[in-house]
Amino acid sequence: MVRRALDVVVYADVSVPYLDADVRCAVSDLLGDVWDPAAFRSGSTLATASVRGEVVGCALTRHSPAERPVRASPGLRALGPDRYQEWLAGCPELAGVAVSVGHRSSGVGSVVVDAVLTPARPRGGWTDLCGRDLAGAGPWLRRRGWVVAAADRDGAGAVLLAPRHPAATVADRRGASRGPLTEPGRGRPHRT
């Protein structure tokens, strides 16, 4: 539940030079190495949440290319090129979400993720998690209904589908959700 009044702004298909310098700086501070201004291009959406003028959270989606990247991550390799083409090509990828420390566990993350995925309702969204993101954001997204579509056998990466993604029910029925983000045999998220 959000405890403070939030101002949420969604920037869709806006190139970085047209974003306010303070917004660019705040997003860069929050997202760190995930924020690549050059990747913010047509089909990208950025949402920021502010409290009294200070950006306290943000989420970024980018348009998925038609073909799976040649240097695919462990999660995308586990998914395979056919499933990528069928399920992910053309869908928005949740590329990053961050909330400042003082505003975590207050609903800010959910608000900005919902804001960037609202335009994508018919196709849903997806994310590709590896390393630290897999351990941190993975269980958080699973608690919000995201489904593991594919997971690397070594636990190095996973692809998750947003709850409204058309393939989410198919992936859940296939049992892919029993990946590295769930307790073995229980289908519940690990608590981090």
N, C-alpha and C. Protein backbone atom coordinates (compact mmCIF):
# COMPACT_ATOMS: atom_id res chain seq x y z
N MET A 1 0.84 -1.18 0.00
CA MET A 1 0.00 0.00 0.00
C MET A 1 0.89 1.25 0.00
N VAL A 2 0.57 2.19 -0.82
CA VAL A 2 1.34 3.43 -0.91
C VAL A 2 0.94 4.33 0.25
N ARG A 3 1.94 4.73 1.03
CA ARG A 3 1.67 5.54 2.22
C ARG A 3 1.74 7.03 1.95
N ARG A 4 2.41 7.40 0.87
CA ARG A 4 2.57 8.82 0.55
C ARG A 4 1.88 9.11 -0.79
N ALA A 5 1.47 10.35 -0.96
CA ALA A 5 0.86 10.75 -2.24
C ALA A 5 1.94 10.73 -3.32
N LEU A 6 1.67 10.01 -4.38
CA LEU A 6 2.63 9.88 -5.49
C LEU A 6 2.14 10.63 -6.71
N ASP A 7 3.07 11.24 -7.41
CA ASP A 7 2.82 11.79 -8.73
C ASP A 7 3.50 10.83 -9.70
N VAL A 8 2.73 10.22 -10.59
CA VAL A 8 3.29 9.27 -11.55
C VAL A 8 3.22 9.90 -12.94
N VAL A 9 4.36 9.88 -13.63
CA VAL A 9 4.45 10.42 -14.98
C VAL A 9 4.94 9.29 -15.88
N VAL A 10 4.27 9.10 -17.02
CA VAL A 10 4.68 8.09 -17.98
C VAL A 10 5.19 8.79 -19.24
N TYR A 11 6.39 8.40 -19.64
CA TYR A 11 7.01 8.94 -20.85
C TYR A 11 7.03 7.81 -21.87
N ALA A 12 6.28 7.92 -22.95
CA ALA A 12 6.23 6.88 -23.98
C ALA A 12 6.78 7.42 -25.29
N ASP A 13 7.64 6.62 -25.91
CA ASP A 13 8.24 6.99 -27.20
C ASP A 13 8.87 8.39 -27.18
N VAL A 14 9.52 8.70 -26.11
CA VAL A 14 10.19 10.00 -25.97
C VAL A 14 11.69 9.75 -25.97
N SER A 15 12.40 10.47 -26.79
CA SER A 15 13.85 10.29 -26.78
C SER A 15 14.45 11.00 -25.58
N VAL A 16 15.56 10.47 -25.11
CA VAL A 16 16.19 10.95 -23.89
C VAL A 16 16.50 12.45 -23.89
N PRO A 17 16.98 13.04 -24.99
CA PRO A 17 17.28 14.47 -24.92
C PRO A 17 16.08 15.33 -24.54
N TYR A 18 14.87 14.84 -24.76
CA TYR A 18 13.69 15.63 -24.43
C TYR A 18 13.21 15.43 -22.99
N LEU A 19 13.82 14.49 -22.26
CA LEU A 19 13.49 14.32 -20.85
C LEU A 19 14.16 15.43 -20.06
N ASP A 20 13.50 15.89 -19.04
CA ASP A 20 14.06 16.89 -18.14
C ASP A 20 15.37 16.36 -17.57
N ALA A 21 16.38 17.22 -17.45
CA ALA A 21 17.70 16.82 -16.96
C ALA A 21 17.62 16.24 -15.55
N ASP A 22 16.75 16.79 -14.70
CA ASP A 22 16.61 16.27 -13.34
C ASP A 22 16.02 14.85 -13.36
N VAL A 23 15.08 14.61 -14.26
CA VAL A 23 14.49 13.27 -14.39
C VAL A 23 15.55 12.29 -14.88
N ARG A 24 16.32 12.68 -15.90
CA ARG A 24 17.39 11.80 -16.40
C ARG A 24 18.37 11.45 -15.30
N CYS A 25 18.76 12.42 -14.51
CA CYS A 25 19.73 12.20 -13.43
C CYS A 25 19.15 11.27 -12.35
N ALA A 26 17.90 11.52 -11.95
CA ALA A 26 17.25 10.70 -10.93
C ALA A 26 17.10 9.25 -11.39
N VAL A 27 16.68 9.07 -12.64
CA VAL A 27 16.51 7.72 -13.19
C VAL A 27 17.86 7.02 -13.27
N SER A 28 18.88 7.73 -13.69
CA SER A 28 20.23 7.17 -13.76
C SER A 28 20.70 6.73 -12.38
N ASP A 29 20.44 7.54 -11.37
CA ASP A 29 20.84 7.19 -10.00
C ASP A 29 20.10 5.94 -9.51
N LEU A 30 18.81 5.85 -9.82
CA LEU A 30 18.01 4.72 -9.35
C LEU A 30 18.33 3.43 -10.10
N LEU A 31 18.39 3.49 -11.42
CA LEU A 31 18.58 2.28 -12.23
C LEU A 31 20.04 1.87 -12.40
N GLY A 32 20.96 2.78 -12.21
CA GLY A 32 22.38 2.46 -12.35
C GLY A 32 22.72 1.97 -13.74
N ASP A 33 23.40 0.81 -13.82
CA ASP A 33 23.87 0.31 -15.11
C ASP A 33 22.75 -0.21 -16.01
N VAL A 34 21.53 -0.37 -15.49
CA VAL A 34 20.40 -0.79 -16.32
C VAL A 34 19.99 0.35 -17.26
N TRP A 35 20.16 1.60 -16.81
CA TRP A 35 19.74 2.76 -17.57
C TRP A 35 20.73 3.05 -18.66
N ASP A 36 20.33 2.77 -19.88
CA ASP A 36 21.13 3.08 -21.05
C ASP A 36 20.32 4.04 -21.90
N PRO A 37 20.62 5.33 -21.82
CA PRO A 37 19.83 6.31 -22.57
C PRO A 37 19.72 5.99 -24.05
N ALA A 38 20.75 5.36 -24.63
CA ALA A 38 20.70 5.02 -26.05
C ALA A 38 19.64 3.96 -26.34
N ALA A 39 19.31 3.14 -25.32
CA ALA A 39 18.31 2.08 -25.51
C ALA A 39 16.89 2.62 -25.37
N PHE A 40 16.76 3.85 -24.87
CA PHE A 40 15.43 4.45 -24.73
C PHE A 40 15.04 4.98 -26.09
N ARG A 41 14.25 4.20 -26.79
CA ARG A 41 13.95 4.49 -28.20
C ARG A 41 12.48 4.24 -28.47
N SER A 42 12.11 4.31 -29.70
CA SER A 42 10.73 4.06 -30.10
C SER A 42 10.27 2.72 -29.53
N GLY A 43 9.13 2.72 -28.89
CA GLY A 43 8.60 1.52 -28.26
C GLY A 43 8.97 1.40 -26.81
N SER A 44 9.82 2.30 -26.31
CA SER A 44 10.20 2.29 -24.89
C SER A 44 9.24 3.15 -24.09
N THR A 45 9.05 2.76 -22.84
CA THR A 45 8.21 3.54 -21.94
C THR A 45 8.93 3.65 -20.60
N LEU A 46 8.92 4.83 -20.04
CA LEU A 46 9.51 5.10 -18.73
C LEU A 46 8.42 5.67 -17.85
N ALA A 47 8.33 5.18 -16.62
CA ALA A 47 7.41 5.76 -15.64
C ALA A 47 8.21 6.17 -14.42
N THR A 48 7.92 7.34 -13.91
CA THR A 48 8.56 7.80 -12.68
C THR A 48 7.49 8.09 -11.65
N ALA A 49 7.84 7.86 -10.39
CA ALA A 49 6.96 8.19 -9.27
C ALA A 49 7.72 9.19 -8.40
N SER A 50 7.06 10.28 -8.07
CA SER A 50 7.69 11.33 -7.28
C SER A 50 6.87 11.63 -6.04
N VAL A 51 7.58 11.99 -4.99
CA VAL A 51 6.97 12.48 -3.76
C VAL A 51 7.53 13.87 -3.52
N ARG A 52 6.66 14.86 -3.49
CA ARG A 52 7.05 16.26 -3.29
C ARG A 52 8.20 16.67 -4.23
N GLY A 53 8.09 16.27 -5.50
CA GLY A 53 9.06 16.68 -6.51
C GLY A 53 10.31 15.82 -6.60
N GLU A 54 10.50 14.87 -5.70
CA GLU A 54 11.68 14.01 -5.72
C GLU A 54 11.29 12.67 -6.36
N VAL A 55 12.03 12.24 -7.39
CA VAL A 55 11.78 10.95 -8.02
C VAL A 55 12.22 9.85 -7.06
N VAL A 56 11.26 8.99 -6.66
CA VAL A 56 11.56 7.94 -5.68
C VAL A 56 11.44 6.54 -6.28
N GLY A 57 10.95 6.44 -7.51
CA GLY A 57 10.84 5.14 -8.15
C GLY A 57 10.69 5.30 -9.64
N CYS A 58 11.08 4.27 -10.38
CA CYS A 58 10.93 4.30 -11.83
C CYS A 58 10.91 2.88 -12.37
N ALA A 59 10.34 2.75 -13.55
CA ALA A 59 10.34 1.48 -14.27
C ALA A 59 10.50 1.80 -15.75
N LEU A 60 11.16 0.91 -16.46
CA LEU A 60 11.46 1.11 -17.87
C LEU A 60 11.12 -0.15 -18.65
N THR A 61 10.40 0.02 -19.75
CA THR A 61 10.21 -1.10 -20.69
C THR A 61 10.84 -0.70 -22.01
N ARG A 62 11.20 -1.71 -22.78
CA ARG A 62 11.69 -1.46 -24.13
C ARG A 62 11.04 -2.48 -25.05
N HIS A 63 10.94 -2.10 -26.31
CA HIS A 63 10.31 -2.94 -27.32
C HIS A 63 11.23 -4.12 -27.65
N SER A 64 10.69 -5.32 -27.65
CA SER A 64 11.48 -6.51 -27.95
C SER A 64 11.70 -6.64 -29.45
N PRO A 65 12.92 -6.95 -29.87
CA PRO A 65 13.17 -7.13 -31.30
C PRO A 65 12.46 -8.38 -31.83
N ALA A 66 12.29 -8.44 -33.13
CA ALA A 66 11.60 -9.56 -33.76
C ALA A 66 12.38 -10.87 -33.62
N GLU A 67 13.70 -10.77 -33.58
CA GLU A 67 14.55 -11.96 -33.46
C GLU A 67 15.23 -11.98 -32.10
N ARG A 68 15.41 -13.17 -31.55
CA ARG A 68 16.12 -13.32 -30.28
C ARG A 68 17.55 -12.84 -30.46
N PRO A 69 18.08 -12.09 -29.49
CA PRO A 69 19.47 -11.61 -29.61
C PRO A 69 20.45 -12.78 -29.78
N VAL A 70 21.48 -12.56 -30.57
CA VAL A 70 22.48 -13.59 -30.81
C VAL A 70 23.16 -13.98 -29.50
N ARG A 71 23.49 -12.99 -28.70
CA ARG A 71 24.11 -13.25 -27.40
C ARG A 71 23.01 -13.34 -26.35
N ALA A 72 22.27 -14.41 -26.39
CA ALA A 72 21.12 -14.56 -25.50
C ALA A 72 21.57 -14.87 -24.08
N SER A 73 20.80 -14.37 -23.13
CA SER A 73 21.04 -14.62 -21.71
C SER A 73 20.69 -16.07 -21.38
N PRO A 74 21.06 -16.54 -20.18
CA PRO A 74 20.70 -17.92 -19.80
C PRO A 74 19.19 -18.17 -19.85
N GLY A 75 18.38 -17.22 -19.43
CA GLY A 75 16.93 -17.39 -19.46
C GLY A 75 16.39 -17.48 -20.87
N LEU A 76 16.89 -16.62 -21.76
CA LEU A 76 16.44 -16.65 -23.15
C LEU A 76 16.91 -17.93 -23.86
N ARG A 77 18.12 -18.41 -23.53
CA ARG A 77 18.58 -19.68 -24.11
C ARG A 77 17.67 -20.82 -23.66
N ALA A 78 17.26 -20.81 -22.38
CA ALA A 78 16.36 -21.85 -21.86
C ALA A 78 15.00 -21.78 -22.54
N LEU A 79 14.55 -20.58 -22.86
CA LEU A 79 13.25 -20.42 -23.52
C LEU A 79 13.30 -20.94 -24.96
N GLY A 80 14.40 -20.67 -25.65
CA GLY A 80 14.55 -21.13 -27.03
C GLY A 80 14.05 -20.10 -28.03
N PRO A 81 14.56 -20.18 -29.26
CA PRO A 81 14.21 -19.18 -30.28
C PRO A 81 12.75 -19.24 -30.72
N ASP A 82 12.16 -20.44 -30.76
CA ASP A 82 10.77 -20.55 -31.20
C ASP A 82 9.81 -19.90 -30.21
N ARG A 83 10.02 -20.18 -28.93
CA ARG A 83 9.17 -19.57 -27.91
C ARG A 83 9.41 -18.06 -27.85
N TYR A 84 10.66 -17.63 -28.05
CA TYR A 84 10.92 -16.19 -28.08
C TYR A 84 10.07 -15.56 -29.17
N GLN A 85 10.13 -16.13 -30.35
CA GLN A 85 9.39 -15.58 -31.49
C GLN A 85 7.89 -15.56 -31.21
N GLU A 86 7.38 -16.64 -30.63
CA GLU A 86 5.94 -16.78 -30.39
C GLU A 86 5.46 -15.92 -29.22
N TRP A 87 6.22 -15.88 -28.14
CA TRP A 87 5.75 -15.26 -26.90
C TRP A 87 6.28 -13.85 -26.66
N LEU A 88 7.52 -13.56 -27.07
CA LEU A 88 8.15 -12.32 -26.62
C LEU A 88 8.36 -11.27 -27.70
N ALA A 89 8.57 -11.68 -28.94
CA ALA A 89 8.85 -10.72 -30.01
C ALA A 89 7.73 -9.69 -30.11
N GLY A 90 8.10 -8.44 -30.06
CA GLY A 90 7.13 -7.36 -30.16
C GLY A 90 6.48 -6.95 -28.85
N CYS A 91 6.70 -7.72 -27.78
CA CYS A 91 6.13 -7.38 -26.47
C CYS A 91 7.09 -6.45 -25.72
N PRO A 92 6.55 -5.64 -24.83
CA PRO A 92 7.45 -4.81 -24.04
C PRO A 92 8.19 -5.65 -23.00
N GLU A 93 9.49 -5.42 -22.91
CA GLU A 93 10.32 -6.08 -21.90
C GLU A 93 10.51 -5.12 -20.73
N LEU A 94 10.19 -5.58 -19.55
CA LEU A 94 10.47 -4.79 -18.35
C LEU A 94 11.97 -4.83 -18.15
N ALA A 95 12.64 -3.73 -18.50
CA ALA A 95 14.10 -3.68 -18.50
C ALA A 95 14.68 -3.25 -17.16
N GLY A 96 13.88 -2.61 -16.35
CA GLY A 96 14.38 -2.18 -15.05
C GLY A 96 13.29 -1.58 -14.21
N VAL A 97 13.40 -1.80 -12.91
CA VAL A 97 12.52 -1.17 -11.93
C VAL A 97 13.37 -0.90 -10.69
N ALA A 98 13.21 0.29 -10.14
CA ALA A 98 13.99 0.64 -8.95
C ALA A 98 13.19 1.61 -8.09
N VAL A 99 13.38 1.47 -6.79
CA VAL A 99 12.72 2.34 -5.81
C VAL A 99 13.78 2.74 -4.79
N SER A 100 13.80 4.02 -4.44
CA SER A 100 14.77 4.49 -3.45
C SER A 100 14.52 3.78 -2.12
N VAL A 101 15.58 3.61 -1.36
CA VAL A 101 15.55 2.82 -0.13
C VAL A 101 14.44 3.28 0.82
N GLY A 102 14.27 4.56 1.01
CA GLY A 102 13.29 5.07 1.95
C GLY A 102 11.84 4.86 1.53
N HIS A 103 11.62 4.39 0.31
CA HIS A 103 10.25 4.23 -0.19
C HIS A 103 9.94 2.79 -0.59
N ARG A 104 10.83 1.86 -0.24
CA ARG A 104 10.58 0.46 -0.57
C ARG A 104 9.49 -0.11 0.35
N SER A 105 8.83 -1.15 -0.12
CA SER A 105 7.73 -1.81 0.61
C SER A 105 6.56 -0.88 0.86
N SER A 106 6.41 0.12 -0.01
CA SER A 106 5.28 1.05 0.15
C SER A 106 4.37 1.03 -1.08
N GLY A 107 4.66 0.15 -2.05
CA GLY A 107 3.82 0.04 -3.23
C GLY A 107 4.31 0.85 -4.43
N VAL A 108 5.38 1.59 -4.27
CA VAL A 108 5.89 2.42 -5.36
C VAL A 108 6.30 1.56 -6.56
N GLY A 109 7.00 0.45 -6.31
CA GLY A 109 7.43 -0.43 -7.39
C GLY A 109 6.25 -0.96 -8.19
N SER A 110 5.22 -1.40 -7.50
CA SER A 110 4.02 -1.91 -8.20
C SER A 110 3.36 -0.83 -9.03
N VAL A 111 3.32 0.39 -8.51
CA VAL A 111 2.68 1.50 -9.22
C VAL A 111 3.42 1.81 -10.53
N VAL A 112 4.76 1.88 -10.48
CA VAL A 112 5.49 2.22 -11.70
C VAL A 112 5.51 1.07 -12.70
N VAL A 113 5.54 -0.18 -12.22
CA VAL A 113 5.48 -1.32 -13.15
C VAL A 113 4.12 -1.34 -13.84
N ASP A 114 3.04 -1.15 -13.08
CA ASP A 114 1.71 -1.09 -13.69
C ASP A 114 1.62 0.05 -14.70
N ALA A 115 2.24 1.17 -14.38
CA ALA A 115 2.17 2.34 -15.29
C ALA A 115 2.87 2.06 -16.61
N VAL A 116 4.03 1.41 -16.60
CA VAL A 116 4.73 1.16 -17.87
C VAL A 116 4.10 0.02 -18.66
N LEU A 117 3.40 -0.88 -17.98
CA LEU A 117 2.79 -2.01 -18.70
C LEU A 117 1.34 -1.75 -19.10
N THR A 118 0.71 -0.70 -18.60
CA THR A 118 -0.68 -0.41 -18.96
C THR A 118 -0.88 -0.29 -20.47
N PRO A 119 -0.01 0.41 -21.21
CA PRO A 119 -0.21 0.46 -22.66
C PRO A 119 -0.07 -0.91 -23.33
N ALA A 120 0.54 -1.88 -22.64
CA ALA A 120 0.80 -3.19 -23.23
C ALA A 120 -0.23 -4.24 -22.84
N ARG A 121 -1.32 -3.85 -22.24
CA ARG A 121 -2.30 -4.82 -21.74
C ARG A 121 -2.64 -5.95 -22.71
N PRO A 122 -2.90 -5.68 -24.00
CA PRO A 122 -3.28 -6.79 -24.87
C PRO A 122 -2.17 -7.84 -25.03
N ARG A 123 -0.90 -7.42 -25.04
CA ARG A 123 0.20 -8.37 -25.25
C ARG A 123 0.91 -8.75 -23.96
N GLY A 124 0.68 -8.03 -22.90
CA GLY A 124 1.39 -8.33 -21.67
C GLY A 124 2.84 -7.90 -21.76
N GLY A 125 3.60 -8.22 -20.75
CA GLY A 125 5.01 -7.87 -20.73
C GLY A 125 5.81 -9.06 -20.26
N TRP A 126 7.13 -8.90 -20.29
CA TRP A 126 8.01 -9.97 -19.84
C TRP A 126 9.29 -9.36 -19.32
N THR A 127 10.09 -10.14 -18.63
CA THR A 127 11.39 -9.69 -18.19
C THR A 127 12.36 -10.86 -18.18
N ASP A 128 13.62 -10.55 -18.33
CA ASP A 128 14.70 -11.53 -18.36
C ASP A 128 15.61 -11.21 -17.19
N LEU A 129 15.65 -12.10 -16.20
CA LEU A 129 16.41 -11.82 -14.99
C LEU A 129 17.63 -12.72 -14.88
N CYS A 130 18.74 -12.15 -14.43
CA CYS A 130 19.99 -12.89 -14.21
C CYS A 130 20.62 -12.38 -12.93
N GLY A 131 21.43 -13.20 -12.31
CA GLY A 131 22.24 -12.79 -11.17
C GLY A 131 21.45 -12.15 -10.05
N ARG A 132 21.92 -10.99 -9.63
CA ARG A 132 21.32 -10.27 -8.50
C ARG A 132 19.85 -9.95 -8.74
N ASP A 133 19.50 -9.62 -9.99
CA ASP A 133 18.10 -9.32 -10.31
C ASP A 133 17.21 -10.54 -10.12
N LEU A 134 17.74 -11.72 -10.43
CA LEU A 134 16.97 -12.96 -10.29
C LEU A 134 16.63 -13.20 -8.82
N ALA A 135 17.61 -12.96 -7.94
CA ALA A 135 17.39 -13.19 -6.51
C ALA A 135 16.52 -12.10 -5.88
N GLY A 136 16.65 -10.86 -6.35
CA GLY A 136 15.91 -9.75 -5.74
C GLY A 136 14.55 -9.50 -6.35
N ALA A 137 14.52 -9.21 -7.64
CA ALA A 137 13.27 -8.86 -8.30
C ALA A 137 12.42 -10.08 -8.62
N GLY A 138 13.04 -11.24 -8.83
CA GLY A 138 12.30 -12.44 -9.20
C GLY A 138 11.20 -12.79 -8.20
N PRO A 139 11.53 -12.98 -6.93
CA PRO A 139 10.48 -13.30 -5.95
C PRO A 139 9.44 -12.18 -5.81
N TRP A 140 9.87 -10.93 -5.92
CA TRP A 140 8.94 -9.79 -5.84
C TRP A 140 7.93 -9.86 -6.98
N LEU A 141 8.41 -10.13 -8.20
CA LEU A 141 7.50 -10.23 -9.34
C LEU A 141 6.59 -11.45 -9.22
N ARG A 142 7.12 -12.58 -8.74
CA ARG A 142 6.30 -13.79 -8.58
C ARG A 142 5.16 -13.54 -7.59
N ARG A 143 5.43 -12.81 -6.52
CA ARG A 143 4.37 -12.49 -5.56
C ARG A 143 3.29 -11.62 -6.20
N ARG A 144 3.61 -10.95 -7.27
CA ARG A 144 2.65 -10.10 -7.99
C ARG A 144 2.03 -10.83 -9.18
N GLY A 145 2.20 -12.13 -9.26
CA GLY A 145 1.53 -12.93 -10.27
C GLY A 145 2.31 -13.22 -11.53
N TRP A 146 3.56 -12.78 -11.63
CA TRP A 146 4.37 -13.07 -12.80
C TRP A 146 4.69 -14.57 -12.81
N VAL A 147 4.79 -15.15 -14.00
CA VAL A 147 4.98 -16.59 -14.17
C VAL A 147 6.34 -16.85 -14.82
N VAL A 148 7.06 -17.85 -14.31
CA VAL A 148 8.33 -18.24 -14.92
C VAL A 148 8.03 -19.00 -16.21
N ALA A 149 8.46 -18.45 -17.34
CA ALA A 149 8.25 -19.09 -18.64
C ALA A 149 9.36 -20.09 -18.93
N ALA A 150 10.57 -19.78 -18.50
CA ALA A 150 11.73 -20.66 -18.71
C ALA A 150 12.79 -20.28 -17.70
N ALA A 151 13.52 -21.29 -17.25
CA ALA A 151 14.61 -21.04 -16.30
C ALA A 151 15.81 -21.88 -16.69
N ASP A 152 16.98 -21.31 -16.56
CA ASP A 152 18.23 -21.99 -16.82
C ASP A 152 18.40 -23.08 -15.76
N ARG A 153 18.89 -24.23 -16.16
CA ARG A 153 19.04 -25.35 -15.22
C ARG A 153 20.00 -25.05 -14.08
N ASP A 154 20.96 -24.20 -14.33
CA ASP A 154 21.95 -23.85 -13.31
C ASP A 154 21.45 -22.74 -12.38
N GLY A 155 20.26 -22.22 -12.63
CA GLY A 155 19.73 -21.14 -11.81
C GLY A 155 20.35 -19.80 -12.12
N ALA A 156 20.98 -19.67 -13.30
CA ALA A 156 21.65 -18.42 -13.66
C ALA A 156 20.72 -17.39 -14.26
N GLY A 157 19.53 -17.80 -14.70
CA GLY A 157 18.62 -16.85 -15.33
C GLY A 157 17.24 -17.42 -15.53
N ALA A 158 16.29 -16.53 -15.71
CA ALA A 158 14.91 -16.94 -15.95
C ALA A 158 14.19 -15.84 -16.73
N VAL A 159 13.20 -16.26 -17.51
CA VAL A 159 12.31 -15.34 -18.22
C VAL A 159 10.96 -15.43 -17.53
N LEU A 160 10.42 -14.28 -17.13
CA LEU A 160 9.12 -14.22 -16.48
C LEU A 160 8.12 -13.48 -17.35
N LEU A 161 6.87 -13.92 -17.31
CA LEU A 161 5.79 -13.28 -18.05
C LEU A 161 4.86 -12.56 -17.09
N ALA A 162 4.42 -11.38 -17.48
CA ALA A 162 3.47 -10.61 -16.67
C ALA A 162 2.15 -11.39 -16.57
N PRO A 163 1.38 -11.14 -15.51
CA PRO A 163 0.14 -11.91 -15.30
C PRO A 163 -0.82 -11.87 -16.48
N ARG A 164 -0.88 -10.77 -17.22
CA ARG A 164 -1.82 -10.68 -18.34
C ARG A 164 -1.24 -11.09 -19.69
N HIS A 165 -0.01 -11.57 -19.68
CA HIS A 165 0.59 -12.03 -20.93
C HIS A 165 -0.20 -13.24 -21.42
N PRO A 166 -0.54 -13.29 -22.72
CA PRO A 166 -1.34 -14.41 -23.24
C PRO A 166 -0.74 -15.79 -22.99
N ALA A 167 0.58 -15.89 -22.92
CA ALA A 167 1.22 -17.20 -22.72
C ALA A 167 1.44 -17.54 -21.25
N ALA A 168 1.09 -16.64 -20.34
CA ALA A 168 1.33 -16.88 -18.91
C ALA A 168 0.62 -18.14 -18.42
N THR A 169 -0.61 -18.36 -18.83
CA THR A 169 -1.32 -19.56 -18.39
C THR A 169 -0.71 -20.82 -19.01
N VAL A 170 -0.25 -20.73 -20.25
CA VAL A 170 0.40 -21.87 -20.90
C VAL A 170 1.68 -22.22 -20.16
N ALA A 171 2.51 -21.22 -19.85
CA ALA A 171 3.77 -21.44 -19.15
C ALA A 171 3.52 -22.02 -17.77
N ASP A 172 2.50 -21.54 -17.09
CA ASP A 172 2.19 -22.03 -15.75
C ASP A 172 1.74 -23.49 -15.81
N ARG A 173 0.94 -23.84 -16.81
CA ARG A 173 0.49 -25.23 -16.96
C ARG A 173 1.65 -26.16 -17.31
N ARG A 174 2.64 -25.65 -18.06
CA ARG A 174 3.80 -26.46 -18.43
C ARG A 174 4.68 -26.76 -17.23
N GLY A 175 4.45 -26.06 -16.12
CA GLY A 175 5.25 -26.29 -14.94
C GLY A 175 6.55 -25.53 -14.91
N ALA A 176 6.72 -24.60 -15.84
CA ALA A 176 7.95 -23.81 -15.87
C ALA A 176 8.09 -22.98 -14.61
N SER A 177 6.98 -22.71 -13.93
CA SER A 177 7.05 -21.86 -12.75
C SER A 177 7.81 -22.52 -11.61
N ARG A 178 8.08 -23.81 -11.72
CA ARG A 178 8.88 -24.47 -10.70
C ARG A 178 10.36 -24.33 -11.05
N GLY A 179 10.78 -23.08 -11.21
CA GLY A 179 12.15 -22.79 -11.58
C GLY A 179 12.94 -22.32 -10.37
N PRO A 180 14.01 -21.58 -10.58
CA PRO A 180 14.89 -21.17 -9.49
C PRO A 180 14.25 -20.18 -8.53
N LEU A 181 13.06 -19.68 -8.84
CA LEU A 181 12.43 -18.69 -7.97
C LEU A 181 11.43 -19.29 -7.01
N THR A 182 11.30 -20.62 -7.01
CA THR A 182 10.31 -21.26 -6.15
C THR A 182 10.98 -22.30 -5.27
N GLU A 183 10.35 -22.56 -4.15
CA GLU A 183 10.86 -23.61 -3.28
C GLU A 183 10.52 -24.95 -3.93
N PRO A 184 11.46 -25.89 -3.97
CA PRO A 184 11.22 -27.17 -4.64
C PRO A 184 9.94 -27.85 -4.15
N GLY A 185 9.09 -28.23 -5.10
CA GLY A 185 7.89 -28.98 -4.79
C GLY A 185 6.76 -28.18 -4.22
N ARG A 186 6.95 -26.90 -3.95
CA ARG A 186 5.91 -26.12 -3.31
C ARG A 186 5.32 -25.06 -4.21
N GLY A 187 6.05 -24.61 -5.23
CA GLY A 187 5.56 -23.60 -6.13
C GLY A 187 5.40 -22.24 -5.49
N ARG A 188 6.04 -22.04 -4.32
CA ARG A 188 5.97 -20.74 -3.65
C ARG A 188 7.28 -20.00 -3.84
N PRO A 189 7.23 -18.67 -3.89
CA PRO A 189 8.47 -17.92 -4.07
C PRO A 189 9.39 -18.05 -2.86
N HIS A 190 10.69 -18.07 -3.12
CA HIS A 190 11.66 -17.96 -2.03
C HIS A 190 11.50 -16.62 -1.36
N ARG A 191 11.70 -16.55 -0.10
CA ARG A 191 11.70 -15.27 0.61
C ARG A 191 13.14 -14.78 0.69
N THR A 192 13.35 -13.57 0.24
CA THR A 192 14.72 -13.03 0.27
C THR A 192 14.85 -11.99 1.33
